[in-house]
Amino acid sequence: MPRQARQFSDTGYYHVVCRGADHQILFNDDEDFRCMLRALHKLKLIMFFEINAYCLLANNMHILLKEKNMGDISLIMKRLMTKYAIYFNKKYRKTGSLVTTRYKSTPVRIDEYFLPRLRYIHQMPLKVRMVSKLEDYAYSSYQEYVFGGDLSDTAFSIVLAGWHEWLRFHSEEGEEDFDTFGRQMLGDEEIRRKILHCTGGRPPEEISEWPKDERNNMLKLLRENEALSIRQIERLTGISRGIVAKC
């Protein structure tokens, strides 16, 4: 099946995601994280793009950026990932592709979803339970918004909301699921088939009646192994998103 052509953003803003090929770890230690951030900073100075938000986790990376010229996104990501792959493969004596097929990019409009998307990126360390407070995670632009820094361009989103409202907004758990790898493209029938396969034919709506441990194990499997979103699981099983999120 041929790849779909990339969509270019009329606003210049993109939500970009890179993930390790075959669940490969992208960042093994602090120096790996710092190498990526240095590469981002140097490339930003050369290509004059803005970074509104970023979050680097062990096996994936999210960036909300604004390109200077339409189409720059392709060259930005090619240069960035090529440079980092050379560093990574040399350090760990590896060969082959570091990231899945190609990065994913979603054009972003300046609308009511801009700030929720920014919050979604910042809250990723909370969602995977790496920290209990956003400011404790070192490899996210949230620290730069709160404590200052020279990589992120913080002014635009703060102006959109105002500083106190921006902080309050980030203190609330986001319900949006901006998955750029296509989970939200699945129809309910396809999601239902996935769940039935995992449950051995037991209907999704009955999972809520299972013993607690059995229920939670299944919810965790659906999230981690089947890559279903919290909202998808809630919709098909009737189990509240609060319960699903804790599994």
C-alpha atoms as a PDB file:
ATOM      1  CA  MET A   1       0.000   0.000   0.000  1.00  0.00           C
ATOM      2  CA  PRO A   2       1.576   3.341  -1.020  1.00  0.00           C
ATOM      3  CA  ARG A   3       2.306   5.932   1.607  1.00  0.00           C
ATOM      4  CA  GLN A   4      -0.011   8.882   1.865  1.00  0.00           C
ATOM      5  CA  ALA A   5       1.546  12.181   0.879  1.00  0.00           C
ATOM      6  CA  ARG A   6       2.351  14.456   3.778  1.00  0.00           C
ATOM      7  CA  GLN A   7      -0.053  17.259   4.518  1.00  0.00           C
ATOM      8  CA  PHE A   8       1.517  20.685   4.769  1.00  0.00           C
ATOM      9  CA  SER A   9       0.296  23.150   7.349  1.00  0.00           C
ATOM     10  CA  ASP A  10      -1.221  26.487   6.335  1.00  0.00           C
ATOM     11  CA  THR A  11      -0.188  27.911   9.708  1.00  0.00           C
ATOM     12  CA  GLY A  12       3.322  26.433   9.714  1.00  0.00           C
ATOM     13  CA  TYR A  13       2.637  24.566  12.943  1.00  0.00           C
ATOM     14  CA  TYR A  14       3.088  20.798  13.225  1.00  0.00           C
ATOM     15  CA  HIS A  15       2.814  18.183  15.931  1.00  0.00           C
ATOM     16  CA  VAL A  16       5.657  15.791  15.150  1.00  0.00           C
ATOM     17  CA  VAL A  17       6.155  12.344  16.669  1.00  0.00           C
ATOM     18  CA  CYS A  18       9.099   9.968  16.293  1.00  0.00           C
ATOM     19  CA  ARG A  19       9.068   6.465  17.771  1.00  0.00           C
ATOM     20  CA  GLY A  20      11.718   3.795  17.961  1.00  0.00           C
ATOM     21  CA  ALA A  21      11.538   1.091  15.301  1.00  0.00           C
ATOM     22  CA  ASP A  22      10.103  -2.148  16.698  1.00  0.00           C
ATOM     23  CA  HIS A  23       9.667  -0.455  20.095  1.00  0.00           C
ATOM     24  CA  GLN A  24      13.399   0.305  20.195  1.00  0.00           C
ATOM     25  CA  ILE A  25      14.550   2.699  22.891  1.00  0.00           C
ATOM     26  CA  LEU A  26      15.588   6.084  21.488  1.00  0.00           C
ATOM     27  CA  PHE A  27      17.150   7.470  24.660  1.00  0.00           C
ATOM     28  CA  ASN A  28      18.987   5.155  27.023  1.00  0.00           C
ATOM     29  CA  ASP A  29      20.587   7.679  29.349  1.00  0.00           C
ATOM     30  CA  ASP A  30      20.801  11.379  30.152  1.00  0.00           C
ATOM     31  CA  GLU A  31      23.506  12.013  27.559  1.00  0.00           C
ATOM     32  CA  ASP A  32      21.230  10.654  24.818  1.00  0.00           C
ATOM     33  CA  PHE A  33      18.481  13.080  25.821  1.00  0.00           C
ATOM     34  CA  ARG A  34      20.948  15.957  25.957  1.00  0.00           C
ATOM     35  CA  CYS A  35      22.378  15.053  22.555  1.00  0.00           C
ATOM     36  CA  MET A  36      18.934  15.317  20.976  1.00  0.00           C
ATOM     37  CA  LEU A  37      18.248  18.645  22.671  1.00  0.00           C
ATOM     38  CA  ARG A  38      21.609  20.026  21.503  1.00  0.00           C
ATOM     39  CA  ALA A  39      20.862  18.879  17.962  1.00  0.00           C
ATOM     40  CA  LEU A  40      17.451  20.553  18.106  1.00  0.00           C
ATOM     41  CA  HIS A  41      18.966  23.800  19.353  1.00  0.00           C
ATOM     42  CA  LYS A  42      21.686  23.941  16.671  1.00  0.00           C
ATOM     43  CA  LEU A  43      19.250  23.095  13.888  1.00  0.00           C
ATOM     44  CA  LYS A  44      16.783  25.703  15.123  1.00  0.00           C
ATOM     45  CA  LEU A  45      19.458  28.397  14.825  1.00  0.00           C
ATOM     46  CA  ILE A  46      20.229  27.301  11.269  1.00  0.00           C
ATOM     47  CA  MET A  47      16.674  26.859   9.942  1.00  0.00           C
ATOM     48  CA  PHE A  48      14.895  29.503  12.044  1.00  0.00           C
ATOM     49  CA  PHE A  49      11.946  27.384  13.166  1.00  0.00           C
ATOM     50  CA  GLU A  50      10.132  27.790  16.482  1.00  0.00           C
ATOM     51  CA  ILE A  51       9.672  25.147  19.155  1.00  0.00           C
ATOM     52  CA  ASN A  52       6.472  25.649  21.124  1.00  0.00           C
ATOM     53  CA  ALA A  53       6.590  22.398  23.054  1.00  0.00           C
ATOM     54  CA  TYR A  54       8.554  19.181  23.245  1.00  0.00           C
ATOM     55  CA  CYS A  55       8.713  16.047  25.330  1.00  0.00           C
ATOM     56  CA  LEU A  56      11.346  13.329  25.018  1.00  0.00           C
ATOM     57  CA  LEU A  57      10.523   9.925  26.489  1.00  0.00           C
ATOM     58  CA  ALA A  58      12.567   6.753  26.296  1.00  0.00           C
ATOM     59  CA  ASN A  59      11.042   5.399  23.085  1.00  0.00           C
ATOM     60  CA  ASN A  60       9.298   8.387  21.546  1.00  0.00           C
ATOM     61  CA  MET A  61       9.591  12.129  21.035  1.00  0.00           C
ATOM     62  CA  HIS A  62       6.889  14.781  20.573  1.00  0.00           C
ATOM     63  CA  ILE A  63       7.563  18.275  19.226  1.00  0.00           C
ATOM     64  CA  LEU A  64       5.159  21.110  18.474  1.00  0.00           C
ATOM     65  CA  LEU A  65       7.005  23.413  16.098  1.00  0.00           C
ATOM     66  CA  LYS A  66       6.469  26.165  13.554  1.00  0.00           C
ATOM     67  CA  GLU A  67       8.470  26.106  10.338  1.00  0.00           C
ATOM     68  CA  LYS A  68       9.730  29.320   8.713  1.00  0.00           C
ATOM     69  CA  ASN A  69       8.905  28.336   5.128  1.00  0.00           C
ATOM     70  CA  MET A  70       6.242  25.904   3.950  1.00  0.00           C
ATOM     71  CA  GLY A  71       7.759  22.479   3.494  1.00  0.00           C
ATOM     72  CA  ASP A  72      10.745  23.064   5.799  1.00  0.00           C
ATOM     73  CA  ILE A  73       9.360  20.378   8.109  1.00  0.00           C
ATOM     74  CA  SER A  74      10.715  17.591   5.883  1.00  0.00           C
ATOM     75  CA  LEU A  75      14.275  18.945   5.891  1.00  0.00           C
ATOM     76  CA  ILE A  76      14.135  19.767   9.599  1.00  0.00           C
ATOM     77  CA  MET A  77      13.221  16.225  10.561  1.00  0.00           C
ATOM     78  CA  LYS A  78      15.586  14.607   8.055  1.00  0.00           C
ATOM     79  CA  ARG A  79      18.554  16.573   9.389  1.00  0.00           C
ATOM     80  CA  LEU A  80      17.566  16.086  13.018  1.00  0.00           C
ATOM     81  CA  MET A  81      17.000  12.347  12.902  1.00  0.00           C
ATOM     82  CA  THR A  82      19.988  11.665  10.639  1.00  0.00           C
ATOM     83  CA  LYS A  83      22.299  13.481  13.031  1.00  0.00           C
ATOM     84  CA  TYR A  84      20.903  11.710  16.065  1.00  0.00           C
ATOM     85  CA  ALA A  85      20.909   8.284  14.388  1.00  0.00           C
ATOM     86  CA  ILE A  86      24.610   8.660  13.545  1.00  0.00           C
ATOM     87  CA  TYR A  87      25.348   9.493  17.179  1.00  0.00           C
ATOM     88  CA  PHE A  88      23.145   6.671  18.514  1.00  0.00           C
ATOM     89  CA  ASN A  89      24.375   3.941  16.183  1.00  0.00           C
ATOM     90  CA  LYS A  90      28.011   4.854  16.797  1.00  0.00           C
ATOM     91  CA  LYS A  91      27.594   4.943  20.571  1.00  0.00           C
ATOM     92  CA  TYR A  92      25.712   1.637  20.773  1.00  0.00           C
ATOM     93  CA  ARG A  93      27.330  -0.045  17.763  1.00  0.00           C
ATOM     94  CA  LYS A  94      24.032  -0.558  15.997  1.00  0.00           C
ATOM     95  CA  THR A  95      22.984  -0.547  12.359  1.00  0.00           C
ATOM     96  CA  GLY A  96      19.697  -0.133  10.564  1.00  0.00           C
ATOM     97  CA  SER A  97      16.752   2.176  11.090  1.00  0.00           C
ATOM     98  CA  LEU A  98      16.409   3.885  14.458  1.00  0.00           C
ATOM     99  CA  VAL A  99      12.827   5.150  14.123  1.00  0.00           C
ATOM    100  CA  THR A 100       9.662   3.628  12.690  1.00  0.00           C
ATOM    101  CA  THR A 101       9.465   3.992   8.883  1.00  0.00           C
ATOM    102  CA  ARG A 102       9.194   7.777   9.041  1.00  0.00           C
ATOM    103  CA  TYR A 103       8.172  10.407  11.532  1.00  0.00           C
ATOM    104  CA  LYS A 104       4.530  11.408  11.827  1.00  0.00           C
ATOM    105  CA  SER A 105       3.474  15.020  11.455  1.00  0.00           C
ATOM    106  CA  THR A 106       0.046  16.565  11.932  1.00  0.00           C
ATOM    107  CA  PRO A 107      -0.699  20.126  10.762  1.00  0.00           C
ATOM    108  CA  VAL A 108      -1.933  22.234  13.685  1.00  0.00           C
ATOM    109  CA  ARG A 109      -4.380  25.097  13.433  1.00  0.00           C
ATOM    110  CA  ILE A 110      -4.504  28.062  15.788  1.00  0.00           C
ATOM    111  CA  ASP A 111      -7.871  27.208  17.305  1.00  0.00           C
ATOM    112  CA  GLU A 112      -9.352  25.896  20.530  1.00  0.00           C
ATOM    113  CA  TYR A 113      -7.206  22.747  20.256  1.00  0.00           C
ATOM    114  CA  PHE A 114      -3.823  24.462  20.110  1.00  0.00           C
ATOM    115  CA  LEU A 115      -3.376  24.806  23.873  1.00  0.00           C
ATOM    116  CA  PRO A 116      -4.864  21.347  24.621  1.00  0.00           C
ATOM    117  CA  ARG A 117      -2.317  19.852  22.209  1.00  0.00           C
ATOM    118  CA  LEU A 118       0.492  21.730  23.948  1.00  0.00           C
ATOM    119  CA  ARG A 119      -0.759  20.432  27.295  1.00  0.00           C
ATOM    120  CA  TYR A 120      -1.037  16.906  25.881  1.00  0.00           C
ATOM    121  CA  ILE A 121       2.674  16.977  25.030  1.00  0.00           C
ATOM    122  CA  HIS A 122       3.670  18.407  28.407  1.00  0.00           C
ATOM    123  CA  GLN A 123       1.566  15.910  30.364  1.00  0.00           C
ATOM    124  CA  MET A 124       2.997  12.791  28.735  1.00  0.00           C
ATOM    125  CA  PRO A 125       5.434  12.087  31.620  1.00  0.00           C
ATOM    126  CA  LEU A 126       2.457  12.142  34.001  1.00  0.00           C
ATOM    127  CA  LYS A 127       0.446   9.776  31.832  1.00  0.00           C
ATOM    128  CA  VAL A 128       3.217   7.166  31.854  1.00  0.00           C
ATOM    129  CA  ARG A 129       3.797   7.787  35.581  1.00  0.00           C
ATOM    130  CA  MET A 130       7.400   8.907  35.304  1.00  0.00           C
ATOM    131  CA  VAL A 131       6.813  11.890  37.594  1.00  0.00           C
ATOM    132  CA  SER A 132       4.077  13.185  39.869  1.00  0.00           C
ATOM    133  CA  LYS A 133       4.611  16.849  38.935  1.00  0.00           C
ATOM    134  CA  LEU A 134       5.211  18.286  35.473  1.00  0.00           C
ATOM    135  CA  GLU A 135       8.097  20.476  36.616  1.00  0.00           C
ATOM    136  CA  ASP A 136      10.009  17.396  37.807  1.00  0.00           C
ATOM    137  CA  TYR A 137      10.533  16.015  34.308  1.00  0.00           C
ATOM    138  CA  ALA A 138      13.823  17.258  32.867  1.00  0.00           C
ATOM    139  CA  TYR A 139      13.270  16.575  29.163  1.00  0.00           C
ATOM    140  CA  SER A 140      10.108  18.531  28.513  1.00  0.00           C
ATOM    141  CA  SER A 141       9.613  22.166  27.558  1.00  0.00           C
ATOM    142  CA  TYR A 142       7.345  22.610  30.579  1.00  0.00           C
ATOM    143  CA  GLN A 143      10.443  23.320  32.662  1.00  0.00           C
ATOM    144  CA  GLU A 144      11.421  26.079  30.258  1.00  0.00           C
ATOM    145  CA  TYR A 145       7.995  27.682  30.535  1.00  0.00           C
ATOM    146  CA  VAL A 146       8.223  27.685  34.334  1.00  0.00           C
ATOM    147  CA  PHE A 147      11.936  28.212  34.993  1.00  0.00           C
ATOM    148  CA  GLY A 148      13.207  29.674  31.716  1.00  0.00           C
ATOM    149  CA  GLY A 149      15.426  28.312  28.938  1.00  0.00           C
ATOM    150  CA  ASP A 150      16.728  29.030  25.471  1.00  0.00           C
ATOM    151  CA  LEU A 151      15.307  26.188  23.367  1.00  0.00           C
ATOM    152  CA  SER A 152      11.542  26.723  23.530  1.00  0.00           C
ATOM    153  CA  ASP A 153       9.592  29.683  22.201  1.00  0.00           C
ATOM    154  CA  THR A 154       7.198  30.188  25.081  1.00  0.00           C
ATOM    155  CA  ALA A 155       5.687  33.604  24.395  1.00  0.00           C
ATOM    156  CA  PHE A 156       3.032  32.624  21.833  1.00  0.00           C
ATOM    157  CA  SER A 157       1.079  30.121  23.915  1.00  0.00           C
ATOM    158  CA  ILE A 158       1.339  32.255  27.045  1.00  0.00           C
ATOM    159  CA  VAL A 159      -0.118  35.224  25.162  1.00  0.00           C
ATOM    160  CA  LEU A 160      -2.982  33.020  23.948  1.00  0.00           C
ATOM    161  CA  ALA A 161      -4.048  32.147  27.484  1.00  0.00           C
ATOM    162  CA  GLY A 162      -2.340  34.529  29.899  1.00  0.00           C
ATOM    163  CA  TRP A 163       0.245  33.202  32.353  1.00  0.00           C
ATOM    164  CA  HIS A 164      -2.033  32.341  35.272  1.00  0.00           C
ATOM    165  CA  GLU A 165      -4.608  30.704  33.032  1.00  0.00           C
ATOM    166  CA  TRP A 166      -1.811  28.793  31.256  1.00  0.00           C
ATOM    167  CA  LEU A 167      -0.621  27.378  34.580  1.00  0.00           C
ATOM    168  CA  ARG A 168      -4.146  26.551  35.717  1.00  0.00           C
ATOM    169  CA  PHE A 169      -4.896  24.849  32.405  1.00  0.00           C
ATOM    170  CA  HIS A 170      -1.785  22.663  32.743  1.00  0.00           C
ATOM    171  CA  SER A 171      -2.743  21.718  36.290  1.00  0.00           C
ATOM    172  CA  GLU A 172      -5.892  20.032  34.963  1.00  0.00           C
ATOM    173  CA  GLU A 173      -5.694  16.557  33.471  1.00  0.00           C
ATOM    174  CA  GLY A 174      -6.220  16.750  29.727  1.00  0.00           C
ATOM    175  CA  GLU A 175      -8.893  14.511  28.214  1.00  0.00           C
ATOM    176  CA  GLU A 176      -7.827  14.943  24.598  1.00  0.00           C
ATOM    177  CA  ASP A 177      -5.952  12.219  22.748  1.00  0.00           C
ATOM    178  CA  PHE A 178      -3.856  13.701  19.943  1.00  0.00           C
ATOM    179  CA  ASP A 179      -2.448  10.438  18.652  1.00  0.00           C
ATOM    180  CA  THR A 180      -0.645  11.174  15.403  1.00  0.00           C
ATOM    181  CA  PHE A 181      -0.051   7.471  14.725  1.00  0.00           C
ATOM    182  CA  GLY A 182      -3.626   6.889  13.707  1.00  0.00           C
ATOM    183  CA  ARG A 183      -5.350   5.257  16.643  1.00  0.00           C
ATOM    184  CA  GLN A 184      -8.310   7.587  16.295  1.00  0.00           C
ATOM    185  CA  MET A 185      -8.827   6.512  12.695  1.00  0.00           C
ATOM    186  CA  LEU A 186     -10.091   3.104  13.816  1.00  0.00           C
ATOM    187  CA  GLY A 187     -13.854   2.649  13.601  1.00  0.00           C
ATOM    188  CA  ASP A 188     -15.814   1.219  16.505  1.00  0.00           C
ATOM    189  CA  GLU A 189     -16.341  -2.084  14.717  1.00  0.00           C
ATOM    190  CA  GLU A 190     -12.599  -2.545  14.230  1.00  0.00           C
ATOM    191  CA  ILE A 191     -11.929  -1.585  17.841  1.00  0.00           C
ATOM    192  CA  ARG A 192     -14.595  -4.045  18.972  1.00  0.00           C
ATOM    193  CA  ARG A 193     -12.955  -6.831  16.945  1.00  0.00           C
ATOM    194  CA  LYS A 194      -9.623  -6.033  18.595  1.00  0.00           C
ATOM    195  CA  ILE A 195     -11.178  -6.259  22.061  1.00  0.00           C
ATOM    196  CA  LEU A 196     -13.066  -9.481  21.251  1.00  0.00           C
ATOM    197  CA  HIS A 197      -9.792 -11.021  20.073  1.00  0.00           C
ATOM    198  CA  CYS A 198      -8.126 -10.106  23.378  1.00  0.00           C
ATOM    199  CA  THR A 199     -11.022 -11.316  25.530  1.00  0.00           C
ATOM    200  CA  GLY A 200     -11.503 -14.570  23.672  1.00  0.00           C
ATOM    201  CA  GLY A 201     -14.901 -13.506  22.399  1.00  0.00           C
ATOM    202  CA  ARG A 202     -16.264 -12.020  25.605  1.00  0.00           C
ATOM    203  CA  PRO A 203     -18.166  -8.781  24.822  1.00  0.00           C
ATOM    204  CA  PRO A 204     -16.384  -5.495  25.656  1.00  0.00           C
ATOM    205  CA  GLU A 205     -19.344  -4.227  27.671  1.00  0.00           C
ATOM    206  CA  GLU A 206     -18.976  -7.144  30.106  1.00  0.00           C
ATOM    207  CA  ILE A 207     -15.398  -6.260  31.108  1.00  0.00           C
ATOM    208  CA  SER A 208     -16.715  -3.826  33.727  1.00  0.00           C
ATOM    209  CA  GLU A 209     -18.302  -6.782  35.559  1.00  0.00           C
ATOM    210  CA  TRP A 210     -15.105  -8.840  35.709  1.00  0.00           C
ATOM    211  CA  PRO A 211     -13.154  -9.227  38.968  1.00  0.00           C
ATOM    212  CA  LYS A 212     -11.114  -6.067  39.550  1.00  0.00           C
ATOM    213  CA  ASP A 213      -7.666  -7.565  38.911  1.00  0.00           C
ATOM    214  CA  GLU A 214      -8.823  -9.369  35.761  1.00  0.00           C
ATOM    215  CA  ARG A 215     -10.541  -6.222  34.526  1.00  0.00           C
ATOM    216  CA  ASN A 216      -7.511  -4.020  35.148  1.00  0.00           C
ATOM    217  CA  ASN A 217      -5.139  -6.460  33.460  1.00  0.00           C
ATOM    218  CA  MET A 218      -7.335  -6.459  30.365  1.00  0.00           C
ATOM    219  CA  LEU A 219      -7.565  -2.660  30.298  1.00  0.00           C
ATOM    220  CA  LYS A 220      -3.781  -2.432  30.570  1.00  0.00           C
ATOM    221  CA  LEU A 221      -3.364  -4.935  27.735  1.00  0.00           C
ATOM    222  CA  LEU A 222      -5.748  -2.964  25.508  1.00  0.00           C
ATOM    223  CA  ARG A 223      -3.830   0.249  26.148  1.00  0.00           C
ATOM    224  CA  GLU A 224      -0.274  -1.041  25.918  1.00  0.00           C
ATOM    225  CA  ASN A 225      -0.411  -4.029  23.558  1.00  0.00           C
ATOM    226  CA  GLU A 226      -3.284  -2.988  21.300  1.00  0.00           C
ATOM    227  CA  ALA A 227      -2.472   0.765  21.459  1.00  0.00           C
ATOM    228  CA  LEU A 228      -6.094   1.743  22.018  1.00  0.00           C
ATOM    229  CA  SER A 229      -6.685   5.169  23.503  1.00  0.00           C
ATOM    230  CA  ILE A 230      -8.414   5.791  26.830  1.00  0.00           C
ATOM    231  CA  ARG A 231     -11.347   7.340  25.002  1.00  0.00           C
ATOM    232  CA  GLN A 232     -11.727   4.354  22.656  1.00  0.00           C
ATOM    233  CA  ILE A 233     -11.690   1.887  25.541  1.00  0.00           C
ATOM    234  CA  GLU A 234     -14.161   3.968  27.536  1.00  0.00           C
ATOM    235  CA  ARG A 235     -16.526   4.199  24.584  1.00  0.00           C
ATOM    236  CA  LEU A 236     -16.553   0.467  23.818  1.00  0.00           C
ATOM    237  CA  THR A 237     -16.505  -0.910  27.381  1.00  0.00           C
ATOM    238  CA  GLY A 238     -18.463   1.737  29.267  1.00  0.00           C
ATOM    239  CA  ILE A 239     -15.703   1.891  31.884  1.00  0.00           C
ATOM    240  CA  SER A 240     -14.894   5.430  33.022  1.00  0.00           C
ATOM    241  CA  ARG A 241     -11.717   7.034  31.694  1.00  0.00           C
ATOM    242  CA  GLY A 242     -10.496   7.560  35.259  1.00  0.00           C
ATOM    243  CA  ILE A 243     -10.366   3.790  35.820  1.00  0.00           C
ATOM    244  CA  VAL A 244      -8.852   3.106  32.387  1.00  0.00           C
ATOM    245  CA  ALA A 245      -6.146   5.736  32.904  1.00  0.00           C
ATOM    246  CA  LYS A 246      -4.980   4.158  36.158  1.00  0.00           C
ATOM    247  CA  CYS A 247      -4.429   0.719  34.632  1.00  0.00           C
END
